[in-house]
Amino acid sequence: MERLIGSLRREYLNHLIVFNESSLRHTLKLYFDYYHGARTHLSLEKDAPETRPVHPPELGSVVELPEVGGLHHRYERRAA
């Protein structure tokens, strides 16, 4: 739990201003969706808890997809 709270503070909460409880709940949902679906974890051999497919180079060029309101990014291959 300490590791999760530390990651949350360093990677997210230190970079934004929270105005009210509703705002905090919304931003935490965005972060946890990112944390489970896109963020790499060393203990999972640089995979996310929700496993992602490996995209071969034949799928096209790499594109940047903003996550958590643009604070973090995810990269995928997409056909042109």
PDB file of N, CA and C in Angstrom:
ATOM      1  N   MET A   1       0.823  -1.187   0.000  1.00  0.00           N
ATOM      2  CA  MET A   1       0.000   0.000   0.000  1.00  0.00           C
ATOM      3  C   MET A   1       0.868   1.251   0.000  1.00  0.00           C
ATOM      4  N   GLU A   2       1.968   1.213   0.748  1.00  0.00           N
ATOM      5  CA  GLU A   2       2.854   2.371   0.787  1.00  0.00           C
ATOM      6  C   GLU A   2       3.430   2.675  -0.588  1.00  0.00           C
ATOM      7  N   ARG A   3       3.760   1.647  -1.345  1.00  0.00           N
ATOM      8  CA  ARG A   3       4.318   1.837  -2.676  1.00  0.00           C
ATOM      9  C   ARG A   3       3.291   2.494  -3.603  1.00  0.00           C
ATOM     10  N   LEU A   4       2.044   2.052  -3.521  1.00  0.00           N
ATOM     11  CA  LEU A   4       0.983   2.633  -4.346  1.00  0.00           C
ATOM     12  C   LEU A   4       0.766   4.102  -3.996  1.00  0.00           C
ATOM     13  N   ILE A   5       0.689   4.413  -2.714  1.00  0.00           N
ATOM     14  CA  ILE A   5       0.479   5.798  -2.290  1.00  0.00           C
ATOM     15  C   ILE A   5       1.658   6.674  -2.710  1.00  0.00           C
ATOM     16  N   GLY A   6       2.883   6.151  -2.586  1.00  0.00           N
ATOM     17  CA  GLY A   6       4.057   6.902  -3.024  1.00  0.00           C
ATOM     18  C   GLY A   6       4.025   7.177  -4.515  1.00  0.00           C
ATOM     19  N   SER A   7       3.675   6.171  -5.317  1.00  0.00           N
ATOM     20  CA  SER A   7       3.574   6.358  -6.768  1.00  0.00           C
ATOM     21  C   SER A   7       2.495   7.379  -7.093  1.00  0.00           C
ATOM     22  N   LEU A   8       1.371   7.285  -6.434  1.00  0.00           N
ATOM     23  CA  LEU A   8       0.269   8.209  -6.663  1.00  0.00           C
ATOM     24  C   LEU A   8       0.692   9.645  -6.371  1.00  0.00           C
ATOM     25  N   ARG A   9       1.385   9.852  -5.276  1.00  0.00           N
ATOM     26  CA  ARG A   9       1.819  11.207  -4.919  1.00  0.00           C
ATOM     27  C   ARG A   9       2.883  11.723  -5.879  1.00  0.00           C
ATOM     28  N   ARG A  10       3.928  10.912  -6.162  1.00  0.00           N
ATOM     29  CA  ARG A  10       5.030  11.367  -7.010  1.00  0.00           C
ATOM     30  C   ARG A  10       4.600  11.577  -8.460  1.00  0.00           C
ATOM     31  N   GLU A  11       3.821  10.641  -8.993  1.00  0.00           N
ATOM     32  CA  GLU A  11       3.495  10.665 -10.413  1.00  0.00           C
ATOM     33  C   GLU A  11       2.268  11.505 -10.744  1.00  0.00           C
ATOM     34  N   TYR A  12       1.461  11.845  -9.745  1.00  0.00           N
ATOM     35  CA  TYR A  12       0.202  12.478 -10.087  1.00  0.00           C
ATOM     36  C   TYR A  12      -0.149  13.670  -9.197  1.00  0.00           C
ATOM     37  N   LEU A  13      -0.346  13.425  -7.914  1.00  0.00           N
ATOM     38  CA  LEU A  13      -0.868  14.485  -7.045  1.00  0.00           C
ATOM     39  C   LEU A  13       0.086  15.663  -6.870  1.00  0.00           C
ATOM     40  N   ASN A  14       1.386  15.436  -7.010  1.00  0.00           N
ATOM     41  CA  ASN A  14       2.338  16.538  -6.900  1.00  0.00           C
ATOM     42  C   ASN A  14       2.291  17.468  -8.112  1.00  0.00           C
ATOM     43  N   HIS A  15       1.542  17.094  -9.154  1.00  0.00           N
ATOM     44  CA  HIS A  15       1.520  17.862 -10.398  1.00  0.00           C
ATOM     45  C   HIS A  15       0.190  18.536 -10.685  1.00  0.00           C
ATOM     46  N   LEU A  16      -0.725  18.550  -9.733  1.00  0.00           N
ATOM     47  CA  LEU A  16      -2.011  19.176  -9.994  1.00  0.00           C
ATOM     48  C   LEU A  16      -2.564  19.814  -8.735  1.00  0.00           C
ATOM     49  N   ILE A  17      -3.544  20.658  -8.948  1.00  0.00           N
ATOM     50  CA  ILE A  17      -4.235  21.320  -7.839  1.00  0.00           C
ATOM     51  C   ILE A  17      -5.636  20.726  -7.767  1.00  0.00           C
ATOM     52  N   VAL A  18      -6.007  20.244  -6.587  1.00  0.00           N
ATOM     53  CA  VAL A  18      -7.334  19.656  -6.378  1.00  0.00           C
ATOM     54  C   VAL A  18      -8.229  20.725  -5.767  1.00  0.00           C
ATOM     55  N   PHE A  19      -9.381  20.964  -6.386  1.00  0.00           N
ATOM     56  CA  PHE A  19     -10.282  22.014  -5.928  1.00  0.00           C
ATOM     57  C   PHE A  19     -11.325  21.528  -4.936  1.00  0.00           C
ATOM     58  N   ASN A  20     -11.815  20.306  -5.119  1.00  0.00           N
ATOM     59  CA  ASN A  20     -12.837  19.789  -4.217  1.00  0.00           C
ATOM     60  C   ASN A  20     -12.840  18.267  -4.271  1.00  0.00           C
ATOM     61  N   GLU A  21     -13.683  17.645  -3.480  1.00  0.00           N
ATOM     62  CA  GLU A  21     -13.733  16.185  -3.399  1.00  0.00           C
ATOM     63  C   GLU A  21     -14.143  15.566  -4.730  1.00  0.00           C
ATOM     64  N   SER A  22     -15.085  16.171  -5.411  1.00  0.00           N
ATOM     65  CA  SER A  22     -15.536  15.651  -6.697  1.00  0.00           C
ATOM     66  C   SER A  22     -14.395  15.645  -7.716  1.00  0.00           C
ATOM     67  N   SER A  23     -13.634  16.719  -7.747  1.00  0.00           N
ATOM     68  CA  SER A  23     -12.483  16.817  -8.639  1.00  0.00           C
ATOM     69  C   SER A  23     -11.452  15.740  -8.307  1.00  0.00           C
ATOM     70  N   LEU A  24     -11.179  15.545  -7.025  1.00  0.00           N
ATOM     71  CA  LEU A  24     -10.224  14.528  -6.599  1.00  0.00           C
ATOM     72  C   LEU A  24     -10.695  13.137  -6.995  1.00  0.00           C
ATOM     73  N   ARG A  25     -11.961  12.827  -6.780  1.00  0.00           N
ATOM     74  CA  ARG A  25     -12.481  11.512  -7.149  1.00  0.00           C
ATOM     75  C   ARG A  25     -12.356  11.260  -8.648  1.00  0.00           C
ATOM     76  N   HIS A  26     -12.665  12.265  -9.446  1.00  0.00           N
ATOM     77  CA  HIS A  26     -12.567  12.122 -10.898  1.00  0.00           C
ATOM     78  C   HIS A  26     -11.118  11.881 -11.330  1.00  0.00           C
ATOM     79  N   THR A  27     -10.190  12.681 -10.807  1.00  0.00           N
ATOM     80  CA  THR A  27      -8.800  12.528 -11.198  1.00  0.00           C
ATOM     81  C   THR A  27      -8.208  11.219 -10.683  1.00  0.00           C
ATOM     82  N   LEU A  28      -8.625  10.759  -9.513  1.00  0.00           N
ATOM     83  CA  LEU A  28      -8.142   9.471  -9.013  1.00  0.00           C
ATOM     84  C   LEU A  28      -8.630   8.329  -9.894  1.00  0.00           C
ATOM     85  N   LYS A  29      -9.864   8.407 -10.381  1.00  0.00           N
ATOM     86  CA  LYS A  29     -10.364   7.374 -11.286  1.00  0.00           C
ATOM     87  C   LYS A  29      -9.519   7.324 -12.557  1.00  0.00           C
ATOM     88  N   LEU A  30      -9.197   8.501 -13.119  1.00  0.00           N
ATOM     89  CA  LEU A  30      -8.347   8.541 -14.310  1.00  0.00           C
ATOM     90  C   LEU A  30      -6.985   7.912 -14.029  1.00  0.00           C
ATOM     91  N   TYR A  31      -6.404   8.247 -12.873  1.00  0.00           N
ATOM     92  CA  TYR A  31      -5.083   7.706 -12.548  1.00  0.00           C
ATOM     93  C   TYR A  31      -5.146   6.194 -12.355  1.00  0.00           C
ATOM     94  N   PHE A  32      -6.151   5.685 -11.651  1.00  0.00           N
ATOM     95  CA  PHE A  32      -6.213   4.245 -11.419  1.00  0.00           C
ATOM     96  C   PHE A  32      -6.487   3.472 -12.701  1.00  0.00           C
ATOM     97  N   ASP A  33      -7.251   4.055 -13.630  1.00  0.00           N
ATOM     98  CA  ASP A  33      -7.425   3.418 -14.936  1.00  0.00           C
ATOM     99  C   ASP A  33      -6.076   3.326 -15.648  1.00  0.00           C
ATOM    100  N   TYR A  34      -5.298   4.386 -15.587  1.00  0.00           N
ATOM    101  CA  TYR A  34      -3.956   4.396 -16.166  1.00  0.00           C
ATOM    102  C   TYR A  34      -3.042   3.399 -15.437  1.00  0.00           C
ATOM    103  N   TYR A  35      -3.091   3.404 -14.126  1.00  0.00           N
ATOM    104  CA  TYR A  35      -2.213   2.556 -13.301  1.00  0.00           C
ATOM    105  C   TYR A  35      -2.432   1.081 -13.605  1.00  0.00           C
ATOM    106  N   HIS A  36      -3.679   0.678 -13.789  1.00  0.00           N
ATOM    107  CA  HIS A  36      -3.976  -0.736 -14.031  1.00  0.00           C
ATOM    108  C   HIS A  36      -3.905  -1.122 -15.500  1.00  0.00           C
ATOM    109  N   GLY A  37      -4.133  -0.182 -16.401  1.00  0.00           N
ATOM    110  CA  GLY A  37      -4.218  -0.531 -17.807  1.00  0.00           C
ATOM    111  C   GLY A  37      -3.025  -0.191 -18.663  1.00  0.00           C
ATOM    112  N   ALA A  38      -2.211   0.781 -18.258  1.00  0.00           N
ATOM    113  CA  ALA A  38      -1.128   1.220 -19.136  1.00  0.00           C
ATOM    114  C   ALA A  38       0.231   1.335 -18.444  1.00  0.00           C
ATOM    115  N   ARG A  39       0.269   1.664 -17.177  1.00  0.00           N
ATOM    116  CA  ARG A  39       1.539   1.897 -16.489  1.00  0.00           C
ATOM    117  C   ARG A  39       2.297   0.584 -16.337  1.00  0.00           C
ATOM    118  N   THR A  40       3.592   0.624 -16.664  1.00  0.00           N
ATOM    119  CA  THR A  40       4.406  -0.587 -16.530  1.00  0.00           C
ATOM    120  C   THR A  40       4.810  -0.786 -15.069  1.00  0.00           C
ATOM    121  N   HIS A  41       4.913  -2.055 -14.680  1.00  0.00           N
ATOM    122  CA  HIS A  41       5.298  -2.435 -13.323  1.00  0.00           C
ATOM    123  C   HIS A  41       6.484  -3.391 -13.421  1.00  0.00           C
ATOM    124  N   LEU A  42       7.559  -3.078 -12.724  1.00  0.00           N
ATOM    125  CA  LEU A  42       8.736  -3.933 -12.765  1.00  0.00           C
ATOM    126  C   LEU A  42       8.442  -5.335 -12.251  1.00  0.00           C
ATOM    127  N   SER A  43       7.604  -5.454 -11.234  1.00  0.00           N
ATOM    128  CA  SER A  43       7.293  -6.768 -10.673  1.00  0.00           C
ATOM    129  C   SER A  43       6.497  -7.634 -11.642  1.00  0.00           C
ATOM    130  N   LEU A  44       5.915  -7.030 -12.681  1.00  0.00           N
ATOM    131  CA  LEU A  44       5.154  -7.770 -13.695  1.00  0.00           C
ATOM    132  C   LEU A  44       5.937  -7.846 -15.007  1.00  0.00           C
ATOM    133  N   GLU A  45       7.262  -7.734 -14.911  1.00  0.00           N
ATOM    134  CA  GLU A  45       8.147  -7.776 -16.075  1.00  0.00           C
ATOM    135  C   GLU A  45       7.769  -6.699 -17.091  1.00  0.00           C
ATOM    136  N   LYS A  46       7.585  -5.488 -16.598  1.00  0.00           N
ATOM    137  CA  LYS A  46       7.248  -4.292 -17.389  1.00  0.00           C
ATOM    138  C   LYS A  46       5.937  -4.423 -18.154  1.00  0.00           C
ATOM    139  N   ASP A  47       4.984  -5.118 -17.568  1.00  0.00           N
ATOM    140  CA  ASP A  47       3.641  -5.196 -18.121  1.00  0.00           C
ATOM    141  C   ASP A  47       2.706  -4.490 -17.144  1.00  0.00           C
ATOM    142  N   ALA A  48       1.483  -4.247 -17.559  1.00  0.00           N
ATOM    143  CA  ALA A  48       0.471  -3.646 -16.698  1.00  0.00           C
ATOM    144  C   ALA A  48      -0.361  -4.759 -16.065  1.00  0.00           C
ATOM    145  N   PRO A  49      -1.033  -4.499 -14.931  1.00  0.00           N
ATOM    146  CA  PRO A  49      -1.882  -5.534 -14.329  1.00  0.00           C
ATOM    147  C   PRO A  49      -2.934  -6.074 -15.299  1.00  0.00           C
ATOM    148  N   GLU A  50      -3.482  -5.225 -16.145  1.00  0.00           N
ATOM    149  CA  GLU A  50      -4.368  -5.686 -17.210  1.00  0.00           C
ATOM    150  C   GLU A  50      -3.475  -5.868 -18.439  1.00  0.00           C
ATOM    151  N   THR A  51      -3.161  -7.111 -18.754  1.00  0.00           N
ATOM    152  CA  THR A  51      -2.194  -7.420 -19.799  1.00  0.00           C
ATOM    153  C   THR A  51      -2.558  -6.771 -21.125  1.00  0.00           C
ATOM    154  N   ARG A  52      -1.526  -6.276 -21.797  1.00  0.00           N
ATOM    155  CA  ARG A  52      -1.701  -5.619 -23.089  1.00  0.00           C
ATOM    156  C   ARG A  52      -1.102  -6.490 -24.187  1.00  0.00           C
ATOM    157  N   PRO A  53      -1.654  -6.427 -25.390  1.00  0.00           N
ATOM    158  CA  PRO A  53      -1.074  -7.211 -26.485  1.00  0.00           C
ATOM    159  C   PRO A  53       0.232  -6.572 -26.969  1.00  0.00           C
ATOM    160  N   VAL A  54       1.110  -7.409 -27.511  1.00  0.00           N
ATOM    161  CA  VAL A  54       2.346  -6.922 -28.113  1.00  0.00           C
ATOM    162  C   VAL A  54       2.042  -6.599 -29.568  1.00  0.00           C
ATOM    163  N   HIS A  55       2.394  -5.392 -29.994  1.00  0.00           N
ATOM    164  CA  HIS A  55       2.114  -4.961 -31.358  1.00  0.00           C
ATOM    165  C   HIS A  55       3.356  -5.145 -32.222  1.00  0.00           C
ATOM    166  N   PRO A  56       3.298  -6.004 -33.240  1.00  0.00           N
ATOM    167  CA  PRO A  56       4.454  -6.181 -34.123  1.00  0.00           C
ATOM    168  C   PRO A  56       4.641  -4.951 -35.023  1.00  0.00           C
ATOM    169  N   PRO A  57       5.845  -4.754 -35.535  1.00  0.00           N
ATOM    170  CA  PRO A  57       6.121  -3.591 -36.393  1.00  0.00           C
ATOM    171  C   PRO A  57       5.221  -3.507 -37.628  1.00  0.00           C
ATOM    172  N   GLU A  58       4.671  -4.621 -38.078  1.00  0.00           N
ATOM    173  CA  GLU A  58       3.824  -4.621 -39.265  1.00  0.00           C
ATOM    174  C   GLU A  58       2.525  -3.833 -39.065  1.00  0.00           C
ATOM    175  N   LEU A  59       2.151  -3.563 -37.831  1.00  0.00           N
ATOM    176  CA  LEU A  59       0.909  -2.839 -37.565  1.00  0.00           C
ATOM    177  C   LEU A  59       0.985  -1.361 -37.906  1.00  0.00           C
ATOM    178  N   GLY A  60       2.161  -0.846 -38.123  1.00  0.00           N
ATOM    179  CA  GLY A  60       2.283   0.561 -38.490  1.00  0.00           C
ATOM    180  C   GLY A  60       3.223   1.313 -37.580  1.00  0.00           C
ATOM    181  N   SER A  61       3.139   2.629 -37.647  1.00  0.00           N
ATOM    182  CA  SER A  61       4.039   3.472 -36.861  1.00  0.00           C
ATOM    183  C   SER A  61       3.527   3.628 -35.428  1.00  0.00           C
ATOM    184  N   VAL A  62       4.424   4.060 -34.577  1.00  0.00           N
ATOM    185  CA  VAL A  62       4.106   4.252 -33.165  1.00  0.00           C
ATOM    186  C   VAL A  62       3.445   5.616 -32.990  1.00  0.00           C
ATOM    187  N   VAL A  63       2.328   5.631 -32.267  1.00  0.00           N
ATOM    188  CA  VAL A  63       1.637   6.888 -31.979  1.00  0.00           C
ATOM    189  C   VAL A  63       1.561   7.078 -30.468  1.00  0.00           C
ATOM    190  N   GLU A  64       1.524   8.338 -30.068  1.00  0.00           N
ATOM    191  CA  GLU A  64       1.468   8.705 -28.656  1.00  0.00           C
ATOM    192  C   GLU A  64       0.012   8.951 -28.272  1.00  0.00           C
ATOM    193  N   LEU A  65      -0.433   8.317 -27.184  1.00  0.00           N
ATOM    194  CA  LEU A  65      -1.799   8.489 -26.696  1.00  0.00           C
ATOM    195  C   LEU A  65      -1.749   9.079 -25.294  1.00  0.00           C
ATOM    196  N   PRO A  66      -2.325  10.270 -25.095  1.00  0.00           N
ATOM    197  CA  PRO A  66      -2.286  10.884 -23.763  1.00  0.00           C
ATOM    198  C   PRO A  66      -3.144  10.109 -22.767  1.00  0.00           C
ATOM    199  N   GLU A  67      -2.657  10.004 -21.563  1.00  0.00           N
ATOM    200  CA  GLU A  67      -3.367   9.354 -20.461  1.00  0.00           C
ATOM    201  C   GLU A  67      -3.425  10.343 -19.297  1.00  0.00           C
ATOM    202  N   VAL A  68      -4.402  10.217 -18.460  1.00  0.00           N
ATOM    203  CA  VAL A  68      -4.537  11.017 -17.237  1.00  0.00           C
ATOM    204  C   VAL A  68      -4.464  12.508 -17.572  1.00  0.00           C
ATOM    205  N   GLY A  69      -5.247  12.924 -18.546  1.00  0.00           N
ATOM    206  CA  GLY A  69      -5.294  14.330 -18.911  1.00  0.00           C
ATOM    207  C   GLY A  69      -4.014  14.857 -19.530  1.00  0.00           C
ATOM    208  N   GLY A  70      -3.206  13.995 -20.122  1.00  0.00           N
ATOM    209  CA  GLY A  70      -1.967  14.410 -20.763  1.00  0.00           C
ATOM    210  C   GLY A  70      -0.761  14.388 -19.861  1.00  0.00           C
ATOM    211  N   LEU A  71      -0.924  14.047 -18.589  1.00  0.00           N
ATOM    212  CA  LEU A  71       0.198  14.008 -17.652  1.00  0.00           C
ATOM    213  C   LEU A  71       1.133  12.840 -17.970  1.00  0.00           C
ATOM    214  N   HIS A  72       0.572  11.731 -18.414  1.00  0.00           N
ATOM    215  CA  HIS A  72       1.344  10.557 -18.824  1.00  0.00           C
ATOM    216  C   HIS A  72       0.938  10.198 -20.246  1.00  0.00           C
ATOM    217  N   HIS A  73       1.724   9.337 -20.893  1.00  0.00           N
ATOM    218  CA  HIS A  73       1.429   8.935 -22.257  1.00  0.00           C
ATOM    219  C   HIS A  73       1.605   7.428 -22.419  1.00  0.00           C
ATOM    220  N   ARG A  74       0.853   6.879 -23.344  1.00  0.00           N
ATOM    221  CA  ARG A  74       0.944   5.468 -23.708  1.00  0.00           C
ATOM    222  C   ARG A  74       1.268   5.441 -25.188  1.00  0.00           C
ATOM    223  N   TYR A  75       2.038   4.443 -25.618  1.00  0.00           N
ATOM    224  CA  TYR A  75       2.453   4.364 -27.002  1.00  0.00           C
ATOM    225  C   TYR A  75       1.961   3.047 -27.598  1.00  0.00           C
ATOM    226  N   GLU A  76       1.363   3.131 -28.783  1.00  0.00           N
ATOM    227  CA  GLU A  76       0.870   1.955 -29.492  1.00  0.00           C
ATOM    228  C   GLU A  76       1.216   2.078 -30.961  1.00  0.00           C
ATOM    229  N   ARG A  77       1.184   0.960 -31.634  1.00  0.00           N
ATOM    230  CA  ARG A  77       1.355   0.968 -33.084  1.00  0.00           C
ATOM    231  C   ARG A  77      -0.023   1.067 -33.713  1.00  0.00           C
ATOM    232  N   ARG A  78      -0.150   1.919 -34.707  1.00  0.00           N
ATOM    233  CA  ARG A  78      -1.410   2.095 -35.421  1.00  0.00           C
ATOM    234  C   ARG A  78      -1.150   2.110 -36.902  1.00  0.00           C
ATOM    235  N   ALA A  79      -2.059   1.518 -37.668  1.00  0.00           N
ATOM    236  CA  ALA A  79      -1.946   1.548 -39.128  1.00  0.00           C
ATOM    237  C   ALA A  79      -2.179   2.970 -39.617  1.00  0.00           C
ATOM    238  N   ALA A  80      -1.462   3.318 -40.657  1.00  0.00           N
ATOM    239  CA  ALA A  80      -1.577   4.689 -41.205  1.00  0.00           C
ATOM    240  C   ALA A  80      -2.881   4.950 -41.890  1.00  0.00           C
TER     241      ALA A  80
END
